[in-house]
């Protein structure tokens, strides 16, 4: 199994954010620069005018090429500076070496595991799953998630522990805007709270790193880890 873990018997350190926000912003900037440059070059060469649809089409194509080249060059070397660190005394989200949030695994930790299907293709294929776990202690949430195919999910030994989140955030917001008090019951309420925490400040891992995290938690904290 390929993993980016930095692991020893006393500490597990896993990188998060496989596609950092800063990288996405640079790639988007590269596309916009390429778009403008393409329109400008097409106007110089073909004299179509800066408002020409043909010139705009050339600009889009040029922008896509610049974007792909930029992404290909930067992706292997542009790494996130965020981590999850697990020790016997602390589970923490790190920014560099600075602890952002942490819980004490020697005390009781509440665990929520859930999944939902990706409805629109983005960085993952439509139909793939967001698979997540949230560790909560004293209202501090540490949500971690990964993106995997349905086939890989079904092959997981712990697949049966993941409840499916069936209520969407858009539905809750719509009901609230209409003045309709939407009362979520039982497990769906718990999953929605955990998903809200994931949406605010959850961290993404590669699937192999996510598997490593679960294995480490089970091996070291079987008192509260399902």
Protein backbone atom coordinates (compact mmCIF):
# COMPACT_ATOMS: atom_id res chain seq x y z
CA UNK A 1 0.00 0.00 0.00
CA UNK A 2 1.41 3.38 -1.00
CA UNK A 3 1.12 6.01 1.70
CA UNK A 4 2.62 9.38 2.55
CA UNK A 5 2.55 8.62 6.27
CA UNK A 6 5.42 9.50 8.53
CA UNK A 7 4.91 6.68 10.98
CA UNK A 8 6.74 5.28 13.98
CA UNK A 9 5.50 3.32 17.01
CA UNK A 10 4.85 6.52 18.98
CA UNK A 11 3.60 8.97 16.35
CA UNK A 12 1.68 9.05 13.09
CA UNK A 13 1.94 12.14 10.89
CA UNK A 14 -0.17 12.31 7.72
CA UNK A 15 -0.35 15.06 5.10
CA UNK A 16 -3.73 16.53 4.17
CA UNK A 17 -5.04 18.62 1.29
CA UNK A 18 -3.79 16.58 -1.72
CA UNK A 19 -4.77 19.55 -3.87
CA UNK A 20 -4.00 22.68 -1.80
CA UNK A 21 -6.18 25.74 -2.23
CA UNK A 22 -3.10 27.81 -3.07
CA UNK A 23 -2.31 25.46 -5.97
CA UNK A 24 -5.86 25.72 -7.32
CA UNK A 25 -5.66 29.53 -7.18
CA UNK A 26 -2.36 29.55 -9.08
CA UNK A 27 -3.75 27.18 -11.72
CA UNK A 28 -6.83 29.40 -12.11
CA UNK A 29 -4.61 32.47 -12.39
CA UNK A 30 -2.54 30.70 -15.06
CA UNK A 31 -5.73 30.06 -17.07
CA UNK A 32 -6.81 33.72 -16.84
CA UNK A 33 -3.36 34.94 -17.85
CA UNK A 34 -3.36 32.50 -20.77
CA UNK A 35 -6.84 33.62 -21.79
CA UNK A 36 -5.86 37.28 -21.93
CA UNK A 37 -2.57 36.50 -23.64
CA UNK A 38 -4.30 34.28 -26.22
CA UNK A 39 -6.84 36.97 -27.09
CA UNK A 40 -4.07 39.55 -27.38
CA UNK A 41 -1.90 37.36 -29.60
CA UNK A 42 -4.80 36.40 -31.85
CA UNK A 43 -5.65 40.07 -32.31
CA UNK A 44 -2.05 40.86 -33.25
CA UNK A 45 -1.76 37.92 -35.68
CA UNK A 46 -5.23 37.79 -37.24
CA UNK A 47 -6.58 41.31 -36.59
CA UNK A 48 -9.89 39.91 -35.36
CA UNK A 49 -10.33 42.62 -32.74
CA UNK A 50 -10.30 42.21 -29.00
CA UNK A 51 -14.05 41.48 -28.89
CA UNK A 52 -14.03 38.78 -31.57
CA UNK A 53 -15.64 35.45 -30.67
CA UNK A 54 -12.94 33.67 -32.64
CA UNK A 55 -10.29 35.53 -30.69
CA UNK A 56 -12.03 34.60 -27.44
CA UNK A 57 -12.08 30.95 -28.50
CA UNK A 58 -8.35 31.07 -29.21
CA UNK A 59 -7.85 32.71 -25.83
CA UNK A 60 -9.78 29.96 -24.03
CA UNK A 61 -7.79 27.25 -25.81
CA UNK A 62 -4.50 29.02 -25.03
CA UNK A 63 -5.58 29.48 -21.40
CA UNK A 64 -6.37 25.79 -21.03
CA UNK A 65 -2.94 24.85 -22.41
CA UNK A 66 -1.18 27.26 -20.04
CA UNK A 67 -3.27 25.96 -17.14
CA UNK A 68 -2.47 22.30 -17.87
CA UNK A 69 1.24 22.99 -18.24
CA UNK A 70 1.30 24.99 -15.00
CA UNK A 71 -0.54 22.26 -13.12
CA UNK A 72 1.72 19.52 -14.51
CA UNK A 73 4.84 21.41 -13.42
CA UNK A 74 3.63 22.51 -9.98
CA UNK A 75 1.56 19.55 -8.76
CA UNK A 76 4.54 17.25 -7.97
CA UNK A 77 6.39 19.95 -6.02
CA UNK A 78 3.59 22.07 -4.51
CA UNK A 79 2.80 20.46 -1.17
CA UNK A 80 0.38 21.39 1.55
CA UNK A 81 1.75 22.54 4.89
CA UNK A 82 -1.12 20.97 6.83
CA UNK A 83 -0.98 17.68 8.72
CA UNK A 84 -2.82 15.33 11.03
CA UNK A 85 -0.65 14.13 13.90
CA UNK A 86 -1.62 11.26 16.16
CA UNK A 87 0.22 10.36 19.37
CA UNK A 88 -0.80 8.52 22.51
CA UNK A 89 -1.65 11.84 24.18
CA UNK A 90 -2.97 14.00 21.34
CA UNK A 91 -4.76 13.95 18.00
CA UNK A 92 -4.17 17.28 16.29
CA UNK A 93 -4.62 19.27 13.10
CA UNK A 94 -1.37 21.07 12.34
CA UNK A 95 -0.44 24.07 10.21
CA UNK A 96 3.26 23.48 9.79
CA UNK A 97 4.30 22.66 13.35
CA UNK A 98 1.59 24.80 14.95
CA UNK A 99 -1.39 23.02 16.50
CA UNK A 100 -4.68 24.39 15.16
CA UNK A 101 -7.07 22.08 17.03
CA UNK A 102 -6.50 19.05 19.19
CA UNK A 103 -8.24 16.49 21.38
CA UNK A 104 -7.02 14.11 24.07
CA UNK A 105 -7.42 10.46 22.97
CA UNK A 106 -6.86 9.23 26.53
CA UNK A 107 -10.31 10.60 27.36
CA UNK A 108 -13.61 9.65 25.72
CA UNK A 109 -13.88 10.60 22.04
CA UNK A 110 -17.15 10.52 20.11
CA UNK A 111 -16.81 9.03 16.64
CA UNK A 112 -19.09 9.70 13.67
CA UNK A 113 -18.56 7.95 10.33
CA UNK A 114 -20.61 8.77 7.27
CA UNK A 115 -20.63 8.92 3.50
CA UNK A 116 -22.54 10.52 0.66
CA UNK A 117 -22.49 10.32 -3.11
CA UNK A 118 -20.88 13.02 -5.24
CA UNK A 119 -23.65 14.34 -7.51
CA UNK A 120 -21.55 16.50 -9.82
CA UNK A 121 -18.18 15.75 -11.34
CA UNK A 122 -15.45 17.94 -9.90
CA UNK A 123 -12.09 16.60 -8.75
CA UNK A 124 -13.71 13.19 -8.36
CA UNK A 125 -15.99 11.28 -10.67
CA UNK A 126 -19.73 11.67 -10.37
CA UNK A 127 -21.00 8.72 -8.37
CA UNK A 128 -17.90 8.47 -6.19
CA UNK A 129 -18.24 8.74 -2.42
CA UNK A 130 -17.11 11.27 0.13
CA UNK A 131 -16.18 9.02 3.05
CA UNK A 132 -15.58 10.79 6.35
CA UNK A 133 -14.86 10.36 10.02
CA UNK A 134 -15.24 13.03 12.70
CA UNK A 135 -13.64 12.81 16.13
CA UNK A 136 -15.42 15.01 18.65
CA UNK A 137 -14.53 15.95 22.20
CA UNK A 138 -15.95 18.87 24.18
CA UNK A 139 -17.43 20.41 20.99
CA UNK A 140 -14.05 20.25 19.21
CA UNK A 141 -14.43 18.44 15.88
CA UNK A 142 -11.63 16.88 13.86
CA UNK A 143 -13.28 15.85 10.57
CA UNK A 144 -11.19 13.89 8.05
CA UNK A 145 -12.41 12.66 4.67
CA UNK A 146 -11.35 11.06 1.42
CA UNK A 147 -12.80 10.58 -2.07
CA UNK A 148 -13.11 6.99 -3.28
CA UNK A 149 -14.91 4.92 -5.88
CA UNK A 150 -17.93 2.80 -4.88
CA UNK A 151 -15.90 -0.32 -5.63
CA UNK A 152 -13.13 0.67 -3.25
CA UNK A 153 -15.66 1.63 -0.60
CA UNK A 154 -17.38 -1.75 -0.78
CA UNK A 155 -14.00 -3.45 -0.41
CA UNK A 156 -13.37 -1.65 2.91
CA UNK A 157 -13.65 -3.89 5.97
CA UNK A 158 -15.40 -1.06 7.80
CA UNK A 159 -17.83 -0.10 5.01
CA UNK A 160 -20.79 -1.14 7.15
CA UNK A 161 -19.87 1.42 9.81
CA UNK A 162 -20.52 4.38 7.51
CA UNK A 163 -24.05 5.71 7.65
CA UNK A 164 -25.30 7.40 4.48
CA UNK A 165 -26.09 11.09 4.82
CA UNK A 166 -29.38 11.53 3.00
CA UNK A 167 -30.28 15.11 3.88
CA UNK A 168 -28.59 17.86 1.90
CA UNK A 169 -27.36 21.19 3.20
CA UNK A 170 -29.32 22.92 0.42
CA UNK A 171 -32.55 21.38 1.74
CA UNK A 172 -31.91 22.65 5.27
CA UNK A 173 -31.10 26.17 4.04
CA UNK A 174 -34.21 26.22 1.85
CA UNK A 175 -36.44 25.13 4.72
CA UNK A 176 -34.87 27.73 7.03
CA UNK A 177 -35.38 30.49 4.45
CA UNK A 178 -39.04 29.50 4.14
CA UNK A 179 -39.48 29.64 7.91
CA UNK A 180 -40.05 25.91 8.13
CA UNK A 181 -38.35 24.44 11.21
CA UNK A 182 -36.87 21.29 9.78
CA UNK A 183 -36.32 18.91 12.65
CA UNK A 184 -33.65 16.34 11.91
CA UNK A 185 -34.08 13.17 13.87
CA UNK A 186 -31.61 10.76 15.36
CA UNK A 187 -28.67 9.66 13.27
CA UNK A 188 -29.31 12.08 10.39
CA UNK A 189 -29.05 15.02 12.78
CA UNK A 190 -25.73 13.72 14.10
CA UNK A 191 -24.45 13.18 10.56
CA UNK A 192 -25.55 16.64 9.46
CA UNK A 193 -23.72 18.28 12.37
CA UNK A 194 -20.56 16.31 11.52
CA UNK A 195 -20.90 17.16 7.81
CA UNK A 196 -21.29 20.84 8.66
CA UNK A 197 -18.03 20.66 10.62
CA UNK A 198 -16.37 18.91 7.66
CA UNK A 199 -17.58 21.60 5.29
CA UNK A 200 -16.19 24.36 7.51
CA UNK A 201 -12.79 22.96 8.39
CA UNK A 202 -12.50 19.32 7.37
CA UNK A 203 -9.23 17.99 5.95
CA UNK A 204 -8.91 15.73 2.93
CA UNK A 205 -6.55 12.78 2.73
CA UNK A 206 -5.53 10.45 -0.04
CA UNK A 207 -7.37 7.11 0.29
CA UNK A 208 -4.26 5.17 1.38
CA UNK A 209 -3.45 7.77 4.05
CA UNK A 210 -7.05 7.65 5.25
CA UNK A 211 -6.79 3.86 5.59
CA UNK A 212 -3.55 4.29 7.54
CA UNK A 213 -5.24 6.73 9.91
CA UNK A 214 -8.14 4.36 10.60
CA UNK A 215 -5.80 1.44 11.19
CA UNK A 216 -3.70 3.50 13.62
CA UNK A 217 -6.74 4.70 15.53
CA UNK A 218 -8.09 1.15 15.84
CA UNK A 219 -4.77 -0.26 16.97
CA UNK A 220 -4.08 2.43 19.58
CA UNK A 221 -7.51 3.64 20.75
CA UNK A 222 -9.73 0.57 20.61
CA UNK A 223 -11.47 1.74 23.82
CA UNK A 224 -13.53 4.30 21.87
CA UNK A 225 -12.74 3.60 18.20
CA UNK A 226 -15.42 1.36 16.61
